[in-house]
C-alpha atoms as a PDB file:
ATOM      1  CA  MET A   1      89.149 121.203  93.978  1.00  0.00           C
ATOM      2  CA  GLY A   2      88.972 118.231  96.703  1.00  0.00           C
ATOM      3  CA  VAL A   3      89.177 114.983  96.328  1.00  0.00           C
ATOM      4  CA  GLU A   4      85.576 112.948  95.998  1.00  0.00           C
ATOM      5  CA  ARG A   5      84.528 110.410  98.377  1.00  0.00           C
ATOM      6  CA  PRO A   6      82.756 107.598  97.521  1.00  0.00           C
ATOM      7  CA  HIS A   7      79.380 106.980  98.283  1.00  0.00           C
ATOM      8  CA  MET A   8      78.772 105.427 101.612  1.00  0.00           C
ATOM      9  CA  VAL A   9      75.706 104.361 103.053  1.00  0.00           C
ATOM     10  CA  ARG A  10      75.209 103.003 106.951  1.00  0.00           C
ATOM     11  CA  LYS A  11      73.730  99.031 106.669  1.00  0.00           C
ATOM     12  CA  THR A  12      72.822  96.713 109.373  1.00  0.00           C
ATOM     13  CA  LEU A  13      74.018  93.631 107.889  1.00  0.00           C
ATOM     14  CA  LEU A  14      74.060  89.678 110.401  1.00  0.00           C
ATOM     15  CA  ILE A  15      77.332  88.550 109.563  1.00  0.00           C
ATOM     16  CA  ASN A  16      79.340  85.445 111.285  1.00  0.00           C
ATOM     17  CA  PRO A  17      81.769  88.262 113.449  1.00  0.00           C
ATOM     18  CA  GLU A  18      84.745  85.219 113.454  1.00  0.00           C
ATOM     19  CA  LYS A  19      84.671  85.590 109.738  1.00  0.00           C
ATOM     20  CA  VAL A  20      84.943  89.365 109.924  1.00  0.00           C
ATOM     21  CA  GLU A  21      87.459  89.207 112.233  1.00  0.00           C
ATOM     22  CA  LYS A  22      89.605  86.319 109.837  1.00  0.00           C
ATOM     23  CA  LEU A  23      88.997  88.768 106.896  1.00  0.00           C
ATOM     24  CA  ARG A  24      90.334  91.757 108.701  1.00  0.00           C
ATOM     25  CA  LYS A  25      93.498  90.526 109.282  1.00  0.00           C
ATOM     26  CA  LEU A  26      94.106  88.619 105.966  1.00  0.00           C
ATOM     27  CA  LEU A  27      93.427  91.908 104.186  1.00  0.00           C
ATOM     28  CA  LYS A  28      95.987  93.214 106.640  1.00  0.00           C
ATOM     29  CA  VAL A  29      93.056  96.529 107.382  1.00  0.00           C
ATOM     30  CA  ASP A  30      92.913  98.324 110.556  1.00  0.00           C
ATOM     31  CA  SER A  31      88.739  97.460 110.914  1.00  0.00           C
ATOM     32  CA  GLN A  32      86.030  95.596 109.896  1.00  0.00           C
ATOM     33  CA  SER A  33      84.583  97.479 107.761  1.00  0.00           C
ATOM     34  CA  GLU A  34      87.901  98.507 105.880  1.00  0.00           C
ATOM     35  CA  ALA A  35      87.290  94.829 105.642  1.00  0.00           C
ATOM     36  CA  VAL A  36      84.097  94.742 104.141  1.00  0.00           C
ATOM     37  CA  ARG A  37      84.692  97.100 102.138  1.00  0.00           C
ATOM     38  CA  GLN A  38      87.369  96.038 100.276  1.00  0.00           C
ATOM     39  CA  ALA A  39      86.159  92.244 100.241  1.00  0.00           C
ATOM     40  CA  ILE A  40      83.039  93.639  98.333  1.00  0.00           C
ATOM     41  CA  ASP A  41      85.846  95.578  95.641  1.00  0.00           C
ATOM     42  CA  GLU A  42      88.150  92.936  95.218  1.00  0.00           C
ATOM     43  CA  THR A  43      85.122  90.913  94.461  1.00  0.00           C
ATOM     44  CA  LEU A  44      83.382  92.594  91.639  1.00  0.00           C
ATOM     45  CA  ALA A  45      86.630  93.249  89.810  1.00  0.00           C
ATOM     46  CA  TYR A  46      87.334  90.144  89.744  1.00  0.00           C
ATOM     47  CA  SER A  47      83.636  89.447  88.365  1.00  0.00           C
ATOM     48  CA  GLU A  48      84.709  92.238  85.694  1.00  0.00           C
ATOM     49  CA  ALA A  49      88.050  90.298  85.165  1.00  0.00           C
ATOM     50  CA  LEU A  50      86.515  86.969  84.627  1.00  0.00           C
ATOM     51  CA  ALA A  51      83.408  88.126  82.202  1.00  0.00           C
ATOM     52  CA  ALA A  52      86.216  90.389  80.203  1.00  0.00           C
ATOM     53  CA  ALA A  53      88.072  87.279  79.619  1.00  0.00           C
ATOM     54  CA  ARG A  54      85.596  84.939  79.065  1.00  0.00           C
ATOM     55  CA  ARG A  55      84.625  87.514  76.322  1.00  0.00           C
ATOM     56  CA  ILE A  56      87.293  87.142  74.599  1.00  0.00           C
ATOM     57  CA  GLN A  57      87.259  83.762  75.047  1.00  0.00           C
ATOM     58  CA  SER A  58      84.476  83.827  73.691  1.00  0.00           C
ATOM     59  CA  ARG A  59      85.691  85.161  70.572  1.00  0.00           C
ATOM     60  CA  ARG A  60      88.709  82.432  70.346  1.00  0.00           C
ATOM     61  CA  GLN A  61      91.744  85.536  69.999  1.00  0.00           C
ATOM     62  CA  PHE A  62      93.068  83.638  73.410  1.00  0.00           C
ATOM     63  CA  ALA A  63      95.936  80.784  71.580  1.00  0.00           C
ATOM     64  CA  ARG A  64      95.173  77.587  72.470  1.00  0.00           C
ATOM     65  CA  PRO A  65      97.846  75.135  72.384  1.00  0.00           C
END
C-alpha cells in the first residue's frame, strides 16, 4: 500500500500576487501553491477548533473566574 495523496484539482483564481508572496514567506514554504494550500488547511482547522470551543462553552464546561 502506498501513501494516498489528497484529491486536488487545478483552479484559476484571481488573487493579489504580492499578498500570496507575503503568505509564502510567512509560512516559509517554497511555492505559492503550497502557501495557499497551507493557509486553507490552517483556516479550516482554526474554524473547527473555534466551533468546538464554542460548543464546550455553551455547555458551561469552562471554569469561569
